[in-house]
Amino acid sequence: MQPTISVGILSASRINFILNEAYKVDGQSFVGAQYVQFESGRVKFNGNTYSELILTPVNNATASFDLIDVLIGIGFHWERKEIQRFNAQLKIIVEGDTLTAINVLSVEDYLLSVISSEMSATSSLELLKAHAVISRSWLLAQLNAKKGTLTKKINNPMPKNCEFDNAKTNQQISNELIKWYDKDDHANFDVCADDHCQRYQGITKASTQLVKNAVESTKGQVIFYEGNICDARFSKCCGGISELFENCWEPVHHAYLLPIEDKAVGGLKTAGMNELQVEAFVKHPLPGDFCNTTDAKVLKQVLNDYDQETADFYRWKVSYSQHELAALIKKKSGIDFGSIIDLIPIERGVSGRLIKLKIVGSKMTKIIGKELEIRKYLSDSHLYSSAFVVEKFAVKKGIPQEFILYGAGWGHGVGLCQIGAAVMAEKGYAYQDILKHYFKTVDLNIMY
């Protein structure tokens, strides 16, 4: 039997929502525009206060509610507010001095939205199937880790061919700050609704019959490694080579999250690159990478409207003046480095992504990492990836006046490459083949 999950959607001292059909609280029915307010550590609704408020639909099959001012893309360049619509139960809880709106629903109904939110609801069927499997796998792995209640027993084995960021500080000394951001357990619900976990935008994004077919035809299917559900990761574009888990998050090796060359004849990438090789990889990529595409039809499958505001992803370039870069790093780090003299690679992952970067300033020198922390320091939101090389120009008295970053990929690059998977699907690959390309050591099985 599939689990029921709780998804944290929105936090505020006052939450406005619309009940599109009748919902009940304490036997009384409500419909239309409503609001809840934080008051003295409780939820105030309709003149009464509650330790938590649960609104249950009278007709679970058709009832829906709208949440007003849901923030999406938190911390990214597409951050904005939306009105979003959801099915099933609405729960309001107290967290600190704010309220949090939670949607409670089944795993498979959740996936209908995730697939339509992470991808276009009109994507190719095999791409949607592959994403349904990895999204389900990631979710159930999180529930397993958090609750320890989901069985690891495999039923009906299938053929084998088939930034609410919680920062963990690994090391912090006088000249080094190494920090990673992971999908830590949320204390009062299972997962959140934004990019920090998986995009979940209710039924706001139209869920097509194609999406329903993808979820239904893969119902209960997850990827396993040695009897455990895989913590399946994915990013927009690996840039040609995917990355090891431990180079982006905590220093734990997962044998199913390995660096692969994103090519039809590509294999596992076992060795890293020196700086000259990284520069050649970034500036002069070899042909054949699945994720190297400008095909508008393919990109539309993976990039929702706000994602398409990002034109570059496979290879990109960012320029900063000395003033811009020094001000940016000071703003994002809270440290006055003075003039930026150099950005020096200290350690890279197999894909060329920086794990450690030394920032040399006229007032301060510090090594930072891991990849997301580097991306945060070097962009108003998040730099596309940490796979970049730096060129300095117009050096005056030892101080460069301009920095140009040449980069590869969009995101951490671990696991499935969404754009590469979309290209594979267009080329006729079945979803099982797509999964085996990005997760070479896994088995595909039915969980329920």
Protein backbone atom coordinates (compact mmCIF):
# COMPACT_ATOMS: atom_id res chain seq x y z
CA MET A 1 0.00 0.00 0.00
CA GLN A 2 1.36 3.40 -0.94
CA PRO A 3 2.19 5.84 1.88
CA THR A 4 0.53 9.17 2.59
CA ILE A 5 2.91 12.13 2.80
CA SER A 6 2.83 15.69 4.10
CA VAL A 7 4.26 18.52 1.99
CA GLY A 8 5.12 21.92 3.48
CA ILE A 9 3.97 24.61 1.06
CA LEU A 10 3.95 28.06 2.62
CA SER A 11 4.95 29.78 5.88
CA ALA A 12 3.68 33.18 7.07
CA SER A 13 2.04 34.86 10.06
CA ARG A 14 -1.15 35.10 8.01
CA ILE A 15 -2.10 32.66 5.25
CA ASN A 16 -4.87 33.43 2.78
CA PHE A 17 -6.55 30.61 0.90
CA ILE A 18 -9.66 29.77 -1.10
CA LEU A 19 -11.70 26.59 -0.61
CA ASN A 20 -13.09 25.78 -4.04
CA GLU A 21 -15.46 23.17 -2.62
CA ALA A 22 -16.69 22.37 0.88
CA TYR A 23 -14.10 21.54 3.55
CA LYS A 24 -14.98 20.61 7.13
CA VAL A 25 -13.55 21.73 10.48
CA ASP A 26 -15.15 20.37 13.67
CA GLY A 27 -18.19 19.24 11.65
CA GLN A 28 -18.79 22.68 10.14
CA SER A 29 -18.45 23.22 6.39
CA PHE A 30 -16.53 26.11 4.86
CA VAL A 31 -16.15 27.27 1.26
CA GLY A 32 -14.72 30.32 -0.51
CA ALA A 33 -12.09 32.84 0.63
CA GLN A 34 -10.63 32.16 4.08
CA TYR A 35 -7.58 33.06 6.16
CA VAL A 36 -5.70 31.88 9.23
CA GLN A 37 -3.69 34.08 11.58
CA PHE A 38 -0.91 33.36 14.07
CA GLU A 39 -2.07 34.38 17.54
CA SER A 40 -0.32 33.66 20.84
CA GLY A 41 1.30 30.47 19.62
CA ARG A 42 -1.90 29.09 18.05
CA VAL A 43 -3.79 29.05 14.75
CA LYS A 44 -6.72 31.47 14.67
CA PHE A 45 -9.50 30.54 12.23
CA ASN A 46 -13.11 31.67 12.09
CA GLY A 47 -12.94 33.21 15.57
CA ASN A 48 -11.48 30.08 17.22
CA THR A 49 -7.89 29.08 17.97
CA TYR A 50 -6.28 25.67 17.44
CA SER A 51 -2.98 24.01 18.23
CA GLU A 52 -3.21 22.79 14.62
CA LEU A 53 -6.00 23.17 12.09
CA ILE A 54 -7.05 20.35 9.75
CA LEU A 55 -9.42 21.09 6.87
CA THR A 56 -10.80 17.89 5.37
CA PRO A 57 -12.56 17.88 1.99
CA VAL A 58 -16.18 16.75 1.95
CA ASN A 59 -15.65 15.21 -1.50
CA ASN A 60 -12.06 13.99 -1.61
CA ALA A 61 -12.27 13.12 -5.31
CA THR A 62 -12.96 16.64 -6.56
CA ALA A 63 -12.27 19.15 -3.79
CA SER A 64 -9.40 21.62 -4.12
CA PHE A 65 -8.04 24.71 -2.41
CA ASP A 66 -5.89 27.65 -3.56
CA LEU A 67 -3.01 29.03 -1.51
CA ILE A 68 -2.18 32.70 -2.11
CA ASP A 69 1.39 34.04 -2.43
CA VAL A 70 3.29 30.75 -2.53
CA LEU A 71 7.00 31.54 -2.91
CA ILE A 72 8.83 29.44 -5.51
CA GLY A 73 12.46 29.35 -6.64
CA ILE A 74 13.59 30.48 -3.18
CA GLY A 75 17.02 32.08 -3.46
CA PHE A 76 17.27 31.54 -7.22
CA HIS A 77 17.04 34.12 -10.00
CA TRP A 78 13.47 33.06 -10.86
CA GLU A 79 12.14 33.55 -7.31
CA ARG A 80 8.51 34.76 -7.35
CA LYS A 81 5.10 34.33 -5.77
CA GLU A 82 2.23 32.34 -7.24
CA ILE A 83 -1.33 31.33 -6.48
CA GLN A 84 -1.27 27.53 -6.43
CA ARG A 85 -4.08 24.97 -6.34
CA PHE A 86 -4.00 21.68 -4.42
CA ASN A 87 -6.19 18.62 -3.89
CA ALA A 88 -6.82 16.62 -0.71
CA GLN A 89 -6.30 17.76 2.87
CA LEU A 90 -5.02 21.12 4.11
CA LYS A 91 -3.29 21.28 7.49
CA ILE A 92 -2.12 24.46 9.23
CA ILE A 93 0.48 24.13 11.98
CA VAL A 94 2.50 26.46 14.19
CA GLU A 95 6.26 26.64 13.62
CA GLY A 96 7.94 29.17 15.89
CA ASP A 97 6.12 32.47 15.42
CA THR A 98 4.65 31.63 12.01
CA LEU A 99 2.11 29.29 10.47
CA THR A 100 2.87 26.64 7.87
CA ALA A 101 0.38 25.30 5.33
CA ILE A 102 0.77 21.58 4.63
CA ASN A 103 -0.84 19.45 1.94
CA VAL A 104 -1.48 15.83 2.97
CA LEU A 105 -1.94 13.38 0.09
CA SER A 106 -0.87 10.02 -1.38
CA VAL A 107 2.58 9.44 -2.90
CA GLU A 108 1.27 8.75 -6.40
CA ASP A 109 -0.92 11.89 -6.39
CA TYR A 110 2.10 13.85 -5.21
CA LEU A 111 4.12 12.48 -8.14
CA LEU A 112 1.50 13.64 -10.65
CA SER A 113 2.31 17.18 -9.57
CA VAL A 114 6.09 16.73 -9.20
CA ILE A 115 6.44 15.43 -12.74
CA SER A 116 4.38 18.33 -14.08
CA SER A 117 6.29 20.84 -11.92
CA GLU A 118 9.84 19.60 -12.51
CA MET A 119 9.20 18.98 -16.20
CA SER A 120 6.66 20.05 -18.80
CA ALA A 121 3.44 18.06 -18.64
CA THR A 122 3.79 17.58 -22.42
CA SER A 123 7.23 15.93 -22.29
CA SER A 124 7.90 12.61 -24.00
CA LEU A 125 6.43 9.60 -22.22
CA GLU A 126 9.75 7.80 -21.64
CA LEU A 127 11.27 10.91 -20.05
CA LEU A 128 8.27 11.31 -17.76
CA LYS A 129 8.45 7.62 -16.78
CA ALA A 130 12.15 7.92 -15.92
CA HIS A 131 11.49 11.01 -13.83
CA ALA A 132 8.55 9.37 -12.07
CA VAL A 133 10.82 6.53 -10.99
CA ILE A 134 13.64 8.73 -9.67
CA SER A 135 11.27 11.18 -7.97
CA ARG A 136 9.46 8.30 -6.29
CA SER A 137 12.79 6.71 -5.31
CA TRP A 138 14.12 9.94 -3.81
CA LEU A 139 10.91 10.53 -1.85
CA LEU A 140 10.67 7.00 -0.43
CA ALA A 141 14.37 7.08 0.46
CA GLN A 142 13.74 10.27 2.47
CA LEU A 143 10.76 8.68 4.23
CA ASN A 144 12.84 5.59 4.98
CA ALA A 145 15.61 7.68 6.48
CA LYS A 146 13.21 9.84 8.49
CA LYS A 147 10.67 7.32 9.76
CA GLY A 148 12.27 3.93 9.27
CA THR A 149 8.82 2.54 8.59
CA LEU A 150 8.90 1.64 4.89
CA THR A 151 9.91 -1.95 4.25
CA LYS A 152 12.95 -2.65 2.15
CA LYS A 153 11.50 -5.94 1.01
CA ILE A 154 11.21 -6.15 -2.77
CA ASN A 155 8.00 -7.41 -4.34
CA ASN A 156 7.72 -8.54 -7.96
CA PRO A 157 11.34 -7.99 -9.05
CA MET A 158 11.60 -6.45 -12.52
CA PRO A 159 14.14 -7.31 -15.23
CA LYS A 160 17.56 -5.73 -14.72
CA ASN A 161 17.62 -4.28 -18.20
CA CYS A 162 14.97 -2.41 -17.62
CA GLU A 163 17.94 27.03 -0.45
CA PHE A 164 14.65 26.22 3.52
CA ASP A 165 18.32 25.07 3.28
CA ASN A 166 19.70 23.42 6.39
CA ALA A 167 23.45 23.93 6.18
CA LYS A 168 25.82 21.36 7.60
CA THR A 169 29.29 22.69 8.38
CA ASN A 170 31.96 20.08 7.75
CA GLN A 171 34.98 22.21 8.61
CA GLN A 172 35.37 25.78 9.80
CA ILE A 173 38.79 27.08 10.72
CA SER A 174 40.36 30.51 10.47
CA ASN A 175 41.11 30.32 6.76
CA GLU A 176 38.68 27.66 5.56
CA LEU A 177 34.91 27.28 5.48
CA ILE A 178 33.55 24.06 3.98
CA LYS A 179 29.77 23.77 4.03
CA TRP A 180 27.27 21.59 2.23
CA TYR A 181 23.53 21.92 1.88
CA ASP A 182 21.40 18.80 1.82
CA LYS A 183 17.78 17.76 1.94
CA ASP A 184 17.65 17.38 5.71
CA ASP A 185 14.55 16.08 7.44
CA HIS A 186 11.87 18.67 8.01
CA ALA A 187 10.70 18.39 11.59
CA ASN A 188 6.94 18.81 11.06
CA PHE A 189 6.34 17.51 7.54
CA ASP A 190 7.98 15.05 5.17
CA VAL A 191 9.20 17.28 2.32
CA CYS A 192 8.92 20.89 1.22
CA ALA A 193 7.48 22.03 -2.11
CA ASP A 194 10.39 23.95 -3.66
CA ASP A 195 13.71 23.15 -5.36
CA HIS A 196 15.24 22.35 -1.96
CA CYS A 197 13.35 19.02 -2.11
CA GLN A 198 11.38 18.50 -5.33
CA ARG A 199 9.21 21.04 -7.06
CA TYR A 200 5.63 20.42 -6.04
CA GLN A 201 3.13 22.98 -7.27
CA GLY A 202 -0.11 21.06 -6.69
CA ILE A 203 -2.40 20.95 -9.70
CA THR A 204 -1.34 24.45 -10.78
CA LYS A 205 0.65 22.99 -13.65
CA ALA A 206 -1.74 21.08 -15.87
CA SER A 207 -1.28 17.35 -15.35
CA THR A 208 -1.89 15.80 -18.76
CA GLN A 209 -3.02 12.30 -19.58
CA LEU A 210 0.60 11.68 -20.58
CA VAL A 211 1.75 12.45 -17.04
CA LYS A 212 -0.97 10.23 -15.60
CA ASN A 213 0.12 7.41 -17.90
CA ALA A 214 3.76 7.84 -16.85
CA VAL A 215 2.95 7.70 -13.14
CA GLU A 216 0.37 4.91 -13.41
CA SER A 217 2.52 2.71 -15.68
CA THR A 218 5.45 2.95 -13.23
CA LYS A 219 3.36 2.77 -10.05
CA GLY A 220 5.48 1.69 -7.10
CA GLN A 221 8.64 1.36 -9.19
CA VAL A 222 11.87 2.52 -7.56
CA ILE A 223 15.57 2.01 -8.13
CA PHE A 224 17.41 -0.14 -5.58
CA TYR A 225 21.04 -0.73 -4.75
CA GLU A 226 21.91 -3.73 -2.57
CA GLY A 227 18.38 -3.96 -1.17
CA ASN A 228 18.01 -0.26 -0.31
CA ILE A 229 15.99 2.41 -2.09
CA CYS A 230 18.34 4.80 -3.87
CA ASP A 231 18.57 8.43 -2.87
CA ALA A 232 18.15 9.32 -6.53
CA ARG A 233 19.44 12.81 -7.36
CA PHE A 234 19.00 14.89 -10.49
CA SER A 235 19.97 18.28 -11.90
CA LYS A 236 19.14 20.31 -14.99
CA CYS A 237 22.36 19.79 -16.96
CA CYS A 238 25.50 17.87 -16.01
CA GLY A 239 27.54 19.67 -18.69
CA GLY A 240 28.86 16.41 -20.16
CA ILE A 241 30.08 14.61 -17.01
CA SER A 242 28.08 13.90 -13.86
CA GLU A 243 29.55 14.24 -10.36
CA LEU A 244 30.08 12.13 -7.25
CA PHE A 245 27.62 12.60 -4.39
CA GLU A 246 30.33 13.19 -1.78
CA ASN A 247 31.82 16.08 -3.77
CA CYS A 248 28.59 18.05 -3.37
CA TRP A 249 27.17 16.91 -0.03
CA GLU A 250 28.33 15.01 3.03
CA PRO A 251 31.46 12.84 2.60
CA VAL A 252 29.58 9.57 2.14
CA HIS A 253 30.05 7.47 -0.99
CA HIS A 254 26.98 6.10 -2.79
CA ALA A 255 27.97 3.43 -5.29
CA TYR A 256 24.96 4.24 -7.49
CA LEU A 257 25.78 7.99 -7.78
CA LEU A 258 28.85 7.78 -9.98
CA PRO A 259 30.34 10.20 -12.55
CA ILE A 260 29.36 9.17 -16.06
CA GLU A 261 30.12 10.60 -19.48
CA ASP A 262 26.82 11.80 -20.92
CA LYS A 263 27.29 10.15 -24.31
CA ALA A 264 25.82 7.19 -26.16
CA VAL A 265 29.22 5.47 -25.98
CA GLY A 266 30.24 7.06 -22.68
CA GLY A 267 31.20 5.06 -19.65
CA LEU A 268 32.13 5.74 -16.05
CA LYS A 269 34.51 8.62 -15.53
CA THR A 270 37.13 7.34 -13.12
CA ALA A 271 39.80 10.07 -13.11
CA GLY A 272 39.70 13.81 -12.57
CA MET A 273 41.25 16.51 -14.74
CA ASN A 274 44.12 18.91 -14.20
CA GLU A 275 43.51 22.63 -14.69
CA LEU A 276 44.54 22.63 -18.35
CA GLN A 277 42.18 19.73 -19.03
CA VAL A 278 39.33 21.44 -17.18
CA GLU A 279 39.86 24.58 -19.24
CA ALA A 280 39.78 22.56 -22.46
CA PHE A 281 36.68 20.67 -21.29
CA VAL A 282 34.83 23.89 -20.48
CA LYS A 283 35.93 26.00 -23.45
CA HIS A 284 36.19 23.33 -26.14
CA PRO A 285 33.81 20.44 -25.33
CA LEU A 286 33.90 17.37 -27.52
CA PRO A 287 30.71 16.59 -29.51
CA GLY A 288 28.23 13.91 -28.60
CA ASP A 289 27.01 14.88 -25.13
CA PHE A 290 23.31 14.21 -24.75
CA CYS A 291 22.81 17.44 -22.79
CA ASN A 292 24.48 19.58 -25.46
CA THR A 293 21.34 20.62 -27.32
CA THR A 294 19.64 23.75 -28.58
CA ASP A 295 16.56 21.84 -29.76
CA ALA A 296 13.65 24.04 -28.60
CA LYS A 297 11.27 21.08 -28.57
CA VAL A 298 13.51 19.14 -26.19
CA LEU A 299 14.32 22.10 -23.95
CA LYS A 300 10.64 22.96 -23.58
CA GLN A 301 10.10 19.49 -22.09
CA VAL A 302 12.56 20.13 -19.26
CA LEU A 303 12.46 23.89 -18.77
CA ASN A 304 9.23 25.36 -17.44
CA ASP A 305 8.41 28.97 -18.30
CA TYR A 306 10.63 30.54 -15.63
CA ASP A 307 13.45 28.07 -16.30
CA GLN A 308 13.49 29.20 -19.93
CA GLU A 309 14.57 32.64 -18.69
CA THR A 310 17.99 30.95 -18.44
CA ALA A 311 19.33 30.75 -21.98
CA ASP A 312 22.72 29.16 -21.22
CA PHE A 313 23.21 25.93 -19.34
CA TYR A 314 25.54 23.54 -21.20
CA ARG A 315 28.27 26.19 -21.52
CA TRP A 316 28.07 29.71 -20.11
CA LYS A 317 30.10 32.85 -19.38
CA VAL A 318 29.79 35.43 -16.59
CA SER A 319 31.78 38.69 -16.38
CA TYR A 320 32.43 40.82 -13.29
CA SER A 321 34.31 44.07 -12.85
CA GLN A 322 36.58 44.30 -9.80
CA HIS A 323 34.05 46.49 -8.05
CA GLU A 324 31.15 44.13 -8.86
CA LEU A 325 32.96 40.99 -7.72
CA ALA A 326 34.35 42.49 -4.51
CA ALA A 327 30.93 43.91 -3.59
CA LEU A 328 29.18 40.65 -4.44
CA ILE A 329 31.50 38.46 -2.36
CA LYS A 330 31.29 40.87 0.57
CA LYS A 331 27.48 40.87 0.36
CA LYS A 332 27.14 37.09 0.10
CA SER A 333 29.86 36.10 2.61
CA GLY A 334 29.58 38.92 5.12
CA ILE A 335 33.39 39.21 4.88
CA ASP A 336 35.31 42.19 3.53
CA PHE A 337 38.01 40.59 1.38
CA GLY A 338 39.03 44.00 0.06
CA SER A 339 39.97 43.99 -3.61
CA ILE A 340 39.78 40.50 -5.14
CA ILE A 341 43.24 39.51 -6.30
CA ASP A 342 42.55 35.93 -7.39
CA LEU A 343 40.13 32.97 -7.41
CA ILE A 344 42.28 29.85 -7.14
CA PRO A 345 40.99 26.28 -7.62
CA ILE A 346 42.08 24.10 -4.70
CA GLU A 347 40.09 20.90 -5.29
CA ARG A 348 37.81 19.73 -8.08
CA GLY A 349 35.45 16.81 -8.55
CA VAL A 350 35.63 14.37 -11.44
CA SER A 351 33.29 16.55 -13.55
CA GLY A 352 35.49 19.62 -13.07
CA ARG A 353 33.18 21.07 -10.43
CA LEU A 354 35.03 22.99 -7.75
CA ILE A 355 34.86 21.51 -4.26
CA LYS A 356 37.23 24.06 -2.75
CA LEU A 357 38.02 27.56 -4.02
CA LYS A 358 40.53 29.99 -2.52
CA ILE A 359 39.42 33.61 -2.58
CA VAL A 360 42.48 35.84 -2.35
CA GLY A 361 41.73 39.42 -1.33
CA SER A 362 43.84 42.41 -0.36
CA LYS A 363 42.42 42.15 3.21
CA MET A 364 41.51 38.50 3.59
CA THR A 365 42.22 35.09 2.07
CA LYS A 366 39.87 32.17 2.65
CA ILE A 367 39.12 28.74 1.18
CA ILE A 368 35.41 28.03 0.71
CA GLY A 369 33.37 24.98 -0.35
CA LYS A 370 31.52 22.86 -1.24
CA GLU A 371 29.99 23.49 -4.65
CA LEU A 372 26.78 25.26 -3.63
CA GLU A 373 28.60 27.55 -1.20
CA ILE A 374 30.93 28.55 -4.04
CA ARG A 375 27.95 29.21 -6.31
CA LYS A 376 26.30 31.32 -3.60
CA TYR A 377 29.38 33.52 -3.12
CA LEU A 378 29.78 34.22 -6.84
CA SER A 379 26.22 35.14 -7.86
CA ASP A 380 23.32 37.23 -6.64
CA SER A 381 21.31 33.98 -6.57
CA HIS A 382 23.23 30.84 -7.53
CA LEU A 383 25.94 30.52 -10.16
CA TYR A 384 24.85 27.92 -12.72
CA SER A 385 27.46 25.44 -11.50
CA SER A 386 30.86 25.27 -9.85
CA ALA A 387 32.46 23.77 -12.99
CA PHE A 388 34.21 26.90 -14.17
CA VAL A 389 37.61 28.39 -14.95
CA VAL A 390 38.61 31.99 -14.32
CA GLU A 391 40.41 34.52 -16.50
CA LYS A 392 41.65 37.86 -15.16
CA PHE A 393 42.11 41.02 -17.21
CA ALA A 394 43.52 44.56 -16.94
CA VAL A 395 45.74 43.89 -13.93
CA LYS A 396 46.78 47.17 -12.33
CA LYS A 397 49.29 47.09 -9.44
CA GLY A 398 48.47 43.41 -8.93
CA ILE A 399 44.69 43.97 -8.86
CA PRO A 400 42.65 42.54 -11.80
CA GLN A 401 39.98 44.94 -13.02
CA GLU A 402 37.86 42.25 -14.67
CA PHE A 403 37.11 38.57 -14.08
CA ILE A 404 35.45 36.25 -16.60
CA LEU A 405 34.12 32.87 -15.48
CA TYR A 406 33.69 30.22 -18.20
CA GLY A 407 31.49 27.39 -16.99
CA ALA A 408 29.79 24.09 -17.78
CA GLY A 409 26.42 22.72 -16.71
CA TRP A 410 23.52 23.85 -14.57
CA GLY A 411 23.27 22.45 -11.05
CA HIS A 412 25.25 20.01 -8.92
CA GLY A 413 25.43 17.43 -11.71
CA VAL A 414 24.82 14.35 -9.52
CA GLY A 415 22.60 11.55 -10.82
CA LEU A 416 20.21 12.04 -13.72
CA CYS A 417 20.81 14.94 -16.11
CA GLN A 418 17.32 16.19 -16.99
CA ILE A 419 18.24 17.75 -20.33
CA GLY A 420 20.37 14.75 -21.28
CA ALA A 421 17.50 12.41 -20.35
CA ALA A 422 15.11 14.46 -22.49
CA VAL A 423 17.43 14.11 -25.48
CA MET A 424 17.73 10.36 -24.87
CA ALA A 425 13.96 10.01 -24.85
CA GLU A 426 13.70 11.94 -28.12
CA LYS A 427 16.26 9.58 -29.62
CA GLY A 428 14.06 6.61 -28.77
CA TYR A 429 15.61 5.31 -25.54
CA ALA A 430 13.20 3.54 -23.18
CA TYR A 431 12.93 4.85 -19.62
CA GLN A 432 14.71 1.76 -18.28
CA ASP A 433 17.67 2.52 -20.55
CA ILE A 434 17.71 6.16 -19.43
CA LEU A 435 17.83 5.07 -15.79
CA LYS A 436 20.61 2.55 -16.43
CA HIS A 437 22.62 5.23 -18.25
CA TYR A 438 22.67 7.59 -15.27
CA PHE A 439 22.49 4.99 -12.47
CA LYS A 440 24.61 2.17 -13.83
CA THR A 441 24.67 -0.11 -10.78
CA VAL A 442 20.98 -0.15 -9.79
CA ASP A 443 18.08 -2.55 -10.08
CA LEU A 444 14.56 -1.44 -10.96
CA ASN A 445 11.90 -3.05 -8.73
CA ILE A 446 8.32 -2.64 -7.59
CA MET A 447 7.92 -1.35 -4.02
CA TYR A 448 4.12 -1.60 -3.75
